[in-house]
Protein backbone atom coordinates (compact mmCIF):
# COMPACT_ATOMS: atom_id res chain seq x y z
CA UNK A 1 0.00 0.00 0.00
CA UNK A 2 1.43 3.39 -0.96
CA UNK A 3 1.15 6.50 1.13
CA UNK A 4 -0.52 9.58 -0.31
CA UNK A 5 1.74 12.43 -1.39
CA UNK A 6 1.94 15.32 1.00
CA UNK A 7 2.45 18.77 -0.46
CA UNK A 8 5.33 20.68 1.13
CA UNK A 9 4.34 23.55 3.41
CA UNK A 10 4.84 26.86 1.63
CA UNK A 11 6.58 29.44 3.80
CA UNK A 12 5.07 32.92 3.89
CA UNK A 13 7.25 35.76 2.73
CA UNK A 14 8.88 38.04 5.26
CA UNK A 15 7.05 41.03 3.79
CA UNK A 16 3.68 39.39 4.46
CA UNK A 17 4.70 38.60 8.05
CA UNK A 18 5.80 42.18 8.65
CA UNK A 19 2.64 43.55 7.00
CA UNK A 20 0.46 41.29 9.17
CA UNK A 21 2.32 42.41 12.31
CA UNK A 22 1.87 46.08 11.43
CA UNK A 23 -1.85 45.61 10.76
CA UNK A 24 -2.25 43.65 14.00
CA UNK A 25 -0.49 46.35 15.98
CA UNK A 26 -2.63 49.16 14.57
CA UNK A 27 -5.80 47.10 15.00
CA UNK A 28 -5.21 46.22 18.65
CA UNK A 29 -3.85 49.69 19.45
CA UNK A 30 -6.93 51.44 18.06
CA UNK A 31 -9.53 48.99 19.37
CA UNK A 32 -7.82 48.39 22.72
CA UNK A 33 -7.04 52.08 23.15
CA UNK A 34 -10.61 53.09 22.55
CA UNK A 35 -11.93 50.45 24.96
CA UNK A 36 -9.49 51.48 27.71
CA UNK A 37 -10.26 55.17 27.08
CA UNK A 38 -13.98 54.49 27.22
CA UNK A 39 -13.66 52.83 30.64
CA UNK A 40 -11.26 55.44 32.05
CA UNK A 41 -12.79 58.58 30.58
CA UNK A 42 -9.96 59.26 28.15
CA UNK A 43 -12.07 59.72 25.02
CA UNK A 44 -11.79 63.00 23.13
CA UNK A 45 -13.47 64.51 20.09
CA UNK A 46 -10.60 63.26 17.94
CA UNK A 47 -10.38 59.74 19.41
CA UNK A 48 -8.71 58.98 22.71
CA UNK A 49 -5.88 60.20 24.93
CA UNK A 50 -4.28 57.92 27.48
CA UNK A 51 -1.77 58.86 30.17
CA UNK A 52 -0.39 57.05 33.20
CA UNK A 53 -1.98 53.77 34.21
CA UNK A 54 -4.49 53.62 31.31
CA UNK A 55 -1.55 53.88 28.88
CA UNK A 56 0.24 51.04 30.69
CA UNK A 57 -2.97 49.01 30.56
CA UNK A 58 -3.11 49.48 26.78
CA UNK A 59 0.55 48.46 26.52
CA UNK A 60 -0.27 45.27 28.45
CA UNK A 61 -3.27 44.55 26.23
CA UNK A 62 -1.14 44.86 23.09
CA UNK A 63 1.46 42.44 24.50
CA UNK A 64 -1.19 39.97 25.67
CA UNK A 65 -2.88 40.10 22.26
CA UNK A 66 0.26 38.96 20.50
CA UNK A 67 1.14 36.31 23.09
CA UNK A 68 -2.32 34.79 23.47
CA UNK A 69 -3.26 34.80 19.79
CA UNK A 70 0.11 33.55 18.55
CA UNK A 71 0.64 30.86 21.14
CA UNK A 72 -2.84 29.58 21.94
CA UNK A 73 -5.11 30.49 19.01
CA UNK A 74 -2.93 29.62 16.03
CA UNK A 75 -1.98 33.13 14.97
CA UNK A 76 -3.14 36.68 15.26
CA UNK A 77 -6.11 38.02 13.35
CA UNK A 78 -4.16 39.37 10.39
CA UNK A 79 -1.73 36.44 10.32
CA UNK A 80 -4.71 34.20 9.77
CA UNK A 81 -6.38 36.52 7.25
CA UNK A 82 -3.21 36.90 5.19
CA UNK A 83 -2.33 33.21 5.43
CA UNK A 84 0.97 33.76 7.18
CA UNK A 85 0.57 30.82 9.54
PDB file of N, CA and C in Angstrom:
ATOM      1  N   UNK A   1       0.843  -1.170   0.000  1.00  0.00           N
ATOM      2  CA  UNK A   1       0.000   0.000   0.000  1.00  0.00           C
ATOM      3  C   UNK A   1       0.892   1.239   0.000  1.00  0.00           C
ATOM      4  N   UNK A   2       0.628   2.174  -0.875  1.00  0.00           N
ATOM      5  CA  UNK A   2       1.431   3.394  -0.955  1.00  0.00           C
ATOM      6  C   UNK A   2       0.791   4.499  -0.137  1.00  0.00           C
ATOM      7  N   UNK A   3       1.645   5.376   0.340  1.00  0.00           N
ATOM      8  CA  UNK A   3       1.149   6.499   1.134  1.00  0.00           C
ATOM      9  C   UNK A   3       0.847   7.673   0.211  1.00  0.00           C
ATOM     10  N   UNK A   4      -0.189   8.436   0.541  1.00  0.00           N
ATOM     11  CA  UNK A   4      -0.520   9.585  -0.307  1.00  0.00           C
ATOM     12  C   UNK A   4       0.585  10.636  -0.243  1.00  0.00           C
ATOM     13  N   UNK A   5       0.740  11.369  -1.344  1.00  0.00           N
ATOM     14  CA  UNK A   5       1.740  12.426  -1.388  1.00  0.00           C
ATOM     15  C   UNK A   5       1.282  13.614  -0.548  1.00  0.00           C
ATOM     16  N   UNK A   6       2.221  14.164   0.159  1.00  0.00           N
ATOM     17  CA  UNK A   6       1.937  15.324   0.998  1.00  0.00           C
ATOM     18  C   UNK A   6       2.645  16.519   0.384  1.00  0.00           C
ATOM     19  N   UNK A   7       1.879  17.562   0.136  1.00  0.00           N
ATOM     20  CA  UNK A   7       2.453  18.772  -0.455  1.00  0.00           C
ATOM     21  C   UNK A   7       3.327  19.473   0.579  1.00  0.00           C
ATOM     22  N   UNK A   8       4.482  19.967   0.174  1.00  0.00           N
ATOM     23  CA  UNK A   8       5.330  20.683   1.133  1.00  0.00           C
ATOM     24  C   UNK A   8       4.655  21.968   1.593  1.00  0.00           C
ATOM     25  N   UNK A   9       4.923  22.334   2.841  1.00  0.00           N
ATOM     26  CA  UNK A   9       4.336  23.551   3.407  1.00  0.00           C
ATOM     27  C   UNK A   9       5.048  24.752   2.804  1.00  0.00           C
ATOM     28  N   UNK A  10       4.282  25.658   2.248  1.00  0.00           N
ATOM     29  CA  UNK A  10       4.840  26.861   1.626  1.00  0.00           C
ATOM     30  C   UNK A  10       5.050  27.919   2.710  1.00  0.00           C
ATOM     31  N   UNK A  11       6.253  28.415   2.818  1.00  0.00           N
ATOM     32  CA  UNK A  11       6.576  29.440   3.797  1.00  0.00           C
ATOM     33  C   UNK A  11       6.078  30.800   3.309  1.00  0.00           C
ATOM     34  N   UNK A  12       5.534  31.568   4.229  1.00  0.00           N
ATOM     35  CA  UNK A  12       5.068  32.916   3.891  1.00  0.00           C
ATOM     36  C   UNK A  12       6.268  33.846   3.770  1.00  0.00           C
ATOM     37  N   UNK A  13       6.143  34.817   2.915  1.00  0.00           N
ATOM     38  CA  UNK A  13       7.248  35.763   2.727  1.00  0.00           C
ATOM     39  C   UNK A  13       7.396  36.653   3.959  1.00  0.00           C
ATOM     40  N   UNK A  14       8.594  37.157   4.138  1.00  0.00           N
ATOM     41  CA  UNK A  14       8.876  38.041   5.263  1.00  0.00           C
ATOM     42  C   UNK A  14       8.045  39.309   5.170  1.00  0.00           C
ATOM     43  N   UNK A  15       7.842  39.803   3.965  1.00  0.00           N
ATOM     44  CA  UNK A  15       7.055  41.025   3.790  1.00  0.00           C
ATOM     45  C   UNK A  15       5.619  40.817   4.273  1.00  0.00           C
ATOM     46  N   UNK A  16       5.049  39.663   3.988  1.00  0.00           N
ATOM     47  CA  UNK A  16       3.677  39.388   4.458  1.00  0.00           C
ATOM     48  C   UNK A  16       3.624  39.292   5.973  1.00  0.00           C
ATOM     49  N   UNK A  17       4.646  38.702   6.583  1.00  0.00           N
ATOM     50  CA  UNK A  17       4.696  38.601   8.047  1.00  0.00           C
ATOM     51  C   UNK A  17       4.780  39.981   8.680  1.00  0.00           C
ATOM     52  N   UNK A  18       5.638  40.827   8.117  1.00  0.00           N
ATOM     53  CA  UNK A  18       5.797  42.179   8.647  1.00  0.00           C
ATOM     54  C   UNK A  18       4.509  42.975   8.446  1.00  0.00           C
ATOM     55  N   UNK A  19       3.890  42.860   7.273  1.00  0.00           N
ATOM     56  CA  UNK A  19       2.640  43.555   6.996  1.00  0.00           C
ATOM     57  C   UNK A  19       1.541  43.110   7.963  1.00  0.00           C
ATOM     58  N   UNK A  20       1.449  41.807   8.221  1.00  0.00           N
ATOM     59  CA  UNK A  20       0.458  41.290   9.173  1.00  0.00           C
ATOM     60  C   UNK A  20       0.721  41.827  10.569  1.00  0.00           C
ATOM     61  N   UNK A  21       1.989  41.898  10.983  1.00  0.00           N
ATOM     62  CA  UNK A  21       2.324  42.405  12.314  1.00  0.00           C
ATOM     63  C   UNK A  21       1.955  43.882  12.449  1.00  0.00           C
ATOM     64  N   UNK A  22       2.212  44.660  11.392  1.00  0.00           N
ATOM     65  CA  UNK A  22       1.866  46.083  11.428  1.00  0.00           C
ATOM     66  C   UNK A  22       0.360  46.269  11.513  1.00  0.00           C
ATOM     67  N   UNK A  23      -0.386  45.520  10.705  1.00  0.00           N
ATOM     68  CA  UNK A  23      -1.850  45.614  10.755  1.00  0.00           C
ATOM     69  C   UNK A  23      -2.382  45.173  12.111  1.00  0.00           C
ATOM     70  N   UNK A  24      -1.829  44.101  12.669  1.00  0.00           N
ATOM     71  CA  UNK A  24      -2.248  43.648  14.002  1.00  0.00           C
ATOM     72  C   UNK A  24      -1.997  44.719  15.048  1.00  0.00           C
ATOM     73  N   UNK A  25      -0.818  45.335  14.995  1.00  0.00           N
ATOM     74  CA  UNK A  25      -0.490  46.354  15.982  1.00  0.00           C
ATOM     75  C   UNK A  25      -1.470  47.524  15.908  1.00  0.00           C
ATOM     76  N   UNK A  26      -1.701  48.040  14.702  1.00  0.00           N
ATOM     77  CA  UNK A  26      -2.630  49.162  14.574  1.00  0.00           C
ATOM     78  C   UNK A  26      -4.045  48.775  14.997  1.00  0.00           C
ATOM     79  N   UNK A  27      -4.466  47.565  14.638  1.00  0.00           N
ATOM     80  CA  UNK A  27      -5.800  47.102  14.998  1.00  0.00           C
ATOM     81  C   UNK A  27      -5.973  47.057  16.512  1.00  0.00           C
ATOM     82  N   UNK A  28      -5.046  46.379  17.203  1.00  0.00           N
ATOM     83  CA  UNK A  28      -5.214  46.222  18.652  1.00  0.00           C
ATOM     84  C   UNK A  28      -4.967  47.547  19.371  1.00  0.00           C
ATOM     85  N   UNK A  29      -4.091  48.395  18.826  1.00  0.00           N
ATOM     86  CA  UNK A  29      -3.849  49.694  19.448  1.00  0.00           C
ATOM     87  C   UNK A  29      -5.101  50.560  19.376  1.00  0.00           C
ATOM     88  N   UNK A  30      -5.737  50.594  18.226  1.00  0.00           N
ATOM     89  CA  UNK A  30      -6.928  51.439  18.059  1.00  0.00           C
ATOM     90  C   UNK A  30      -8.106  50.881  18.848  1.00  0.00           C
ATOM     91  N   UNK A  31      -8.385  49.595  18.676  1.00  0.00           N
ATOM     92  CA  UNK A  31      -9.534  48.993  19.373  1.00  0.00           C
ATOM     93  C   UNK A  31      -9.297  48.962  20.880  1.00  0.00           C
ATOM     94  N   UNK A  32      -8.132  48.455  21.295  1.00  0.00           N
ATOM     95  CA  UNK A  32      -7.822  48.389  22.724  1.00  0.00           C
ATOM     96  C   UNK A  32      -7.737  49.761  23.352  1.00  0.00           C
ATOM     97  N   UNK A  33      -7.143  50.721  22.629  1.00  0.00           N
ATOM     98  CA  UNK A  33      -7.040  52.079  23.153  1.00  0.00           C
ATOM     99  C   UNK A  33      -8.389  52.725  23.354  1.00  0.00           C
ATOM    100  N   UNK A  34      -9.272  52.506  22.404  1.00  0.00           N
ATOM    101  CA  UNK A  34     -10.610  53.091  22.552  1.00  0.00           C
ATOM    102  C   UNK A  34     -11.370  52.450  23.708  1.00  0.00           C
ATOM    103  N   UNK A  35     -11.236  51.134  23.866  1.00  0.00           N
ATOM    104  CA  UNK A  35     -11.926  50.449  24.962  1.00  0.00           C
ATOM    105  C   UNK A  35     -11.396  50.932  26.309  1.00  0.00           C
ATOM    106  N   UNK A  36     -10.070  50.997  26.453  1.00  0.00           N
ATOM    107  CA  UNK A  36      -9.492  51.481  27.707  1.00  0.00           C
ATOM    108  C   UNK A  36      -9.908  52.931  27.952  1.00  0.00           C
ATOM    109  N   UNK A  37      -9.873  53.761  26.929  1.00  0.00           N
ATOM    110  CA  UNK A  37     -10.257  55.167  27.084  1.00  0.00           C
ATOM    111  C   UNK A  37     -11.724  55.302  27.465  1.00  0.00           C
ATOM    112  N   UNK A  38     -12.548  54.445  26.914  1.00  0.00           N
ATOM    113  CA  UNK A  38     -13.981  54.489  27.223  1.00  0.00           C
ATOM    114  C   UNK A  38     -14.227  54.190  28.704  1.00  0.00           C
ATOM    115  N   UNK A  39     -13.484  53.206  29.239  1.00  0.00           N
ATOM    116  CA  UNK A  39     -13.657  52.835  30.645  1.00  0.00           C
ATOM    117  C   UNK A  39     -13.010  53.825  31.608  1.00  0.00           C
ATOM    118  N   UNK A  40     -11.978  54.533  31.152  1.00  0.00           N
ATOM    119  CA  UNK A  40     -11.256  55.437  32.048  1.00  0.00           C
ATOM    120  C   UNK A  40     -11.562  56.905  31.798  1.00  0.00           C
ATOM    121  N   UNK A  41     -12.420  57.197  30.851  1.00  0.00           N
ATOM    122  CA  UNK A  41     -12.788  58.581  30.584  1.00  0.00           C
ATOM    123  C   UNK A  41     -11.768  59.330  29.747  1.00  0.00           C
ATOM    124  N   UNK A  42     -10.998  58.619  28.943  1.00  0.00           N
ATOM    125  CA  UNK A  42      -9.963  59.262  28.146  1.00  0.00           C
ATOM    126  C   UNK A  42     -10.361  59.525  26.710  1.00  0.00           C
ATOM    127  N   UNK A  43     -11.650  59.453  26.406  1.00  0.00           N
ATOM    128  CA  UNK A  43     -12.074  59.717  25.025  1.00  0.00           C
ATOM    129  C   UNK A  43     -12.099  61.227  24.778  1.00  0.00           C
ATOM    130  N   UNK A  44     -11.774  61.595  23.540  1.00  0.00           N
ATOM    131  CA  UNK A  44     -11.789  62.999  23.128  1.00  0.00           C
ATOM    132  C   UNK A  44     -12.595  63.106  21.839  1.00  0.00           C
ATOM    133  N   UNK A  45     -12.753  64.314  21.353  1.00  0.00           N
ATOM    134  CA  UNK A  45     -13.466  64.507  20.090  1.00  0.00           C
ATOM    135  C   UNK A  45     -12.725  63.861  18.926  1.00  0.00           C
ATOM    136  N   UNK A  46     -11.403  63.821  19.014  1.00  0.00           N
ATOM    137  CA  UNK A  46     -10.596  63.259  17.936  1.00  0.00           C
ATOM    138  C   UNK A  46     -10.251  61.792  18.118  1.00  0.00           C
ATOM    139  N   UNK A  47     -10.696  61.149  19.180  1.00  0.00           N
ATOM    140  CA  UNK A  47     -10.381  59.739  19.415  1.00  0.00           C
ATOM    141  C   UNK A  47     -10.216  59.466  20.894  1.00  0.00           C
ATOM    142  N   UNK A  48      -8.967  59.228  21.304  1.00  0.00           N
ATOM    143  CA  UNK A  48      -8.708  58.977  22.713  1.00  0.00           C
ATOM    144  C   UNK A  48      -7.326  59.496  23.090  1.00  0.00           C
ATOM    145  N   UNK A  49      -7.160  59.740  24.392  1.00  0.00           N
ATOM    146  CA  UNK A  49      -5.881  60.195  24.929  1.00  0.00           C
ATOM    147  C   UNK A  49      -5.651  59.471  26.243  1.00  0.00           C
ATOM    148  N   UNK A  50      -4.576  58.706  26.296  1.00  0.00           N
ATOM    149  CA  UNK A  50      -4.284  57.917  27.484  1.00  0.00           C
ATOM    150  C   UNK A  50      -2.971  58.376  28.097  1.00  0.00           C
ATOM    151  N   UNK A  51      -2.970  58.497  29.433  1.00  0.00           N
ATOM    152  CA  UNK A  51      -1.770  58.858  30.167  1.00  0.00           C
ATOM    153  C   UNK A  51      -1.724  58.041  31.441  1.00  0.00           C
ATOM    154  N   UNK A  52      -0.538  57.755  31.929  1.00  0.00           N
ATOM    155  CA  UNK A  52      -0.389  57.051  33.198  1.00  0.00           C
ATOM    156  C   UNK A  52      -0.817  55.599  33.119  1.00  0.00           C
ATOM    157  N   UNK A  53      -1.576  55.178  34.114  1.00  0.00           N
ATOM    158  CA  UNK A  53      -1.983  53.770  34.211  1.00  0.00           C
ATOM    159  C   UNK A  53      -2.831  53.295  33.029  1.00  0.00           C
ATOM    160  N   UNK A  54      -3.761  54.084  32.494  1.00  0.00           N
ATOM    161  CA  UNK A  54      -4.488  53.616  31.308  1.00  0.00           C
ATOM    162  C   UNK A  54      -3.564  53.336  30.120  1.00  0.00           C
ATOM    163  N   UNK A  55      -2.509  54.122  29.961  1.00  0.00           N
ATOM    164  CA  UNK A  55      -1.551  53.878  28.877  1.00  0.00           C
ATOM    165  C   UNK A  55      -0.799  52.576  29.118  1.00  0.00           C
ATOM    166  N   UNK A  56      -0.414  52.308  30.370  1.00  0.00           N
ATOM    167  CA  UNK A  56       0.240  51.040  30.693  1.00  0.00           C
ATOM    168  C   UNK A  56      -0.706  49.868  30.483  1.00  0.00           C
ATOM    169  N   UNK A  57      -1.984  50.063  30.783  1.00  0.00           N
ATOM    170  CA  UNK A  57      -2.971  49.010  30.556  1.00  0.00           C
ATOM    171  C   UNK A  57      -3.065  48.681  29.067  1.00  0.00           C
ATOM    172  N   UNK A  58      -3.077  49.704  28.227  1.00  0.00           N
ATOM    173  CA  UNK A  58      -3.108  49.476  26.785  1.00  0.00           C
ATOM    174  C   UNK A  58      -1.850  48.751  26.332  1.00  0.00           C
ATOM    175  N   UNK A  59      -0.705  49.128  26.850  1.00  0.00           N
ATOM    176  CA  UNK A  59       0.549  48.459  26.516  1.00  0.00           C
ATOM    177  C   UNK A  59       0.467  46.976  26.873  1.00  0.00           C
ATOM    178  N   UNK A  60      -0.086  46.664  28.044  1.00  0.00           N
ATOM    179  CA  UNK A  60      -0.266  45.271  28.449  1.00  0.00           C
ATOM    180  C   UNK A  60      -1.232  44.522  27.549  1.00  0.00           C
ATOM    181  N   UNK A  61      -2.298  45.179  27.125  1.00  0.00           N
ATOM    182  CA  UNK A  61      -3.271  44.551  26.230  1.00  0.00           C
ATOM    183  C   UNK A  61      -2.638  44.209  24.893  1.00  0.00           C
ATOM    184  N   UNK A  62      -1.813  45.110  24.375  1.00  0.00           N
ATOM    185  CA  UNK A  62      -1.137  44.858  23.094  1.00  0.00           C
ATOM    186  C   UNK A  62      -0.214  43.644  23.220  1.00  0.00           C
ATOM    187  N   UNK A  63       0.553  43.578  24.303  1.00  0.00           N
ATOM    188  CA  UNK A  63       1.457  42.443  24.504  1.00  0.00           C
ATOM    189  C   UNK A  63       0.665  41.150  24.663  1.00  0.00           C
ATOM    190  N   UNK A  64      -0.368  41.178  25.474  1.00  0.00           N
ATOM    191  CA  UNK A  64      -1.188  39.974  25.670  1.00  0.00           C
ATOM    192  C   UNK A  64      -1.853  39.514  24.385  1.00  0.00           C
ATOM    193  N   UNK A  65      -2.271  40.447  23.548  1.00  0.00           N
ATOM    194  CA  UNK A  65      -2.879  40.100  22.260  1.00  0.00           C
ATOM    195  C   UNK A  65      -1.929  39.239  21.435  1.00  0.00           C
ATOM    196  N   UNK A  66      -0.698  39.705  21.309  1.00  0.00           N
ATOM    197  CA  UNK A  66       0.262  38.964  20.498  1.00  0.00           C
ATOM    198  C   UNK A  66       0.624  37.617  21.124  1.00  0.00           C
ATOM    199  N   UNK A  67       0.781  37.563  22.436  1.00  0.00           N
ATOM    200  CA  UNK A  67       1.143  36.306  23.094  1.00  0.00           C
ATOM    201  C   UNK A  67       0.003  35.306  23.012  1.00  0.00           C
ATOM    202  N   UNK A  68      -1.179  35.712  23.417  1.00  0.00           N
ATOM    203  CA  UNK A  68      -2.318  34.787  23.466  1.00  0.00           C
ATOM    204  C   UNK A  68      -2.708  34.299  22.075  1.00  0.00           C
ATOM    205  N   UNK A  69      -2.837  35.209  21.133  1.00  0.00           N
ATOM    206  CA  UNK A  69      -3.260  34.801  19.794  1.00  0.00           C
ATOM    207  C   UNK A  69      -2.206  33.946  19.103  1.00  0.00           C
ATOM    208  N   UNK A  70      -0.940  34.310  19.226  1.00  0.00           N
ATOM    209  CA  UNK A  70       0.113  33.554  18.551  1.00  0.00           C
ATOM    210  C   UNK A  70       0.303  32.180  19.163  1.00  0.00           C
ATOM    211  N   UNK A  71       0.323  32.108  20.469  1.00  0.00           N
ATOM    212  CA  UNK A  71       0.640  30.855  21.137  1.00  0.00           C
ATOM    213  C   UNK A  71      -0.558  29.920  21.256  1.00  0.00           C
ATOM    214  N   UNK A  72      -1.711  30.445  21.601  1.00  0.00           N
ATOM    215  CA  UNK A  72      -2.843  29.584  21.944  1.00  0.00           C
ATOM    216  C   UNK A  72      -3.934  29.505  20.883  1.00  0.00           C
ATOM    217  N   UNK A  73      -4.015  30.468  19.982  1.00  0.00           N
ATOM    218  CA  UNK A  73      -5.105  30.490  19.013  1.00  0.00           C
ATOM    219  C   UNK A  73      -4.650  30.320  17.571  1.00  0.00           C
ATOM    220  N   UNK A  74      -3.398  29.930  17.369  1.00  0.00           N
ATOM    221  CA  UNK A  74      -2.929  29.616  16.033  1.00  0.00           C
ATOM    222  C   UNK A  74      -2.573  30.799  15.163  1.00  0.00           C
ATOM    223  N   UNK A  75      -2.371  31.952  15.736  1.00  0.00           N
ATOM    224  CA  UNK A  75      -1.976  33.125  14.966  1.00  0.00           C
ATOM    225  C   UNK A  75      -2.887  34.299  15.251  1.00  0.00           C
ATOM    226  N   UNK A  76      -2.348  35.475  15.041  1.00  0.00           N
ATOM    227  CA  UNK A  76      -3.137  36.683  15.262  1.00  0.00           C
ATOM    228  C   UNK A  76      -4.169  36.840  14.148  1.00  0.00           C
ATOM    229  N   UNK A  77      -5.020  37.804  14.301  1.00  0.00           N
ATOM    230  CA  UNK A  77      -6.106  38.017  13.349  1.00  0.00           C
ATOM    231  C   UNK A  77      -5.584  38.201  11.924  1.00  0.00           C
ATOM    232  N   UNK A  78      -4.634  39.101  11.739  1.00  0.00           N
ATOM    233  CA  UNK A  78      -4.157  39.374  10.390  1.00  0.00           C
ATOM    234  C   UNK A  78      -3.187  38.308   9.881  1.00  0.00           C
ATOM    235  N   UNK A  79      -2.530  37.583  10.766  1.00  0.00           N
ATOM    236  CA  UNK A  79      -1.726  36.440  10.322  1.00  0.00           C
ATOM    237  C   UNK A  79      -2.642  35.398   9.689  1.00  0.00           C
ATOM    238  N   UNK A  80      -3.763  35.190  10.296  1.00  0.00           N
ATOM    239  CA  UNK A  80      -4.707  34.197   9.773  1.00  0.00           C
ATOM    240  C   UNK A  80      -5.375  34.696   8.486  1.00  0.00           C
ATOM    241  N   UNK A  81      -5.744  35.983   8.453  1.00  0.00           N
ATOM    242  CA  UNK A  81      -6.381  36.520   7.254  1.00  0.00           C
ATOM    243  C   UNK A  81      -5.451  36.538   6.055  1.00  0.00           C
ATOM    244  N   UNK A  82      -4.171  36.827   6.281  1.00  0.00           N
ATOM    245  CA  UNK A  82      -3.208  36.899   5.193  1.00  0.00           C
ATOM    246  C   UNK A  82      -2.535  35.554   4.909  1.00  0.00           C
ATOM    247  N   UNK A  83      -2.891  34.536   5.671  1.00  0.00           N
ATOM    248  CA  UNK A  83      -2.335  33.210   5.434  1.00  0.00           C
ATOM    249  C   UNK A  83      -0.878  33.075   5.771  1.00  0.00           C
ATOM    250  N   UNK A  84      -0.440  33.812   6.782  1.00  0.00           N
ATOM    251  CA  UNK A  84       0.967  33.763   7.180  1.00  0.00           C
ATOM    252  C   UNK A  84       1.252  32.501   7.962  1.00  0.00           C
ATOM    253  N   UNK A  85       0.340  32.010   8.728  1.00  0.00           N
ATOM    254  CA  UNK A  85       0.570  30.816   9.538  1.00  0.00           C
ATOM    255  C   UNK A  85      -0.050  29.620   8.882  1.00  0.00           C
TER     256      UNK A  85
END
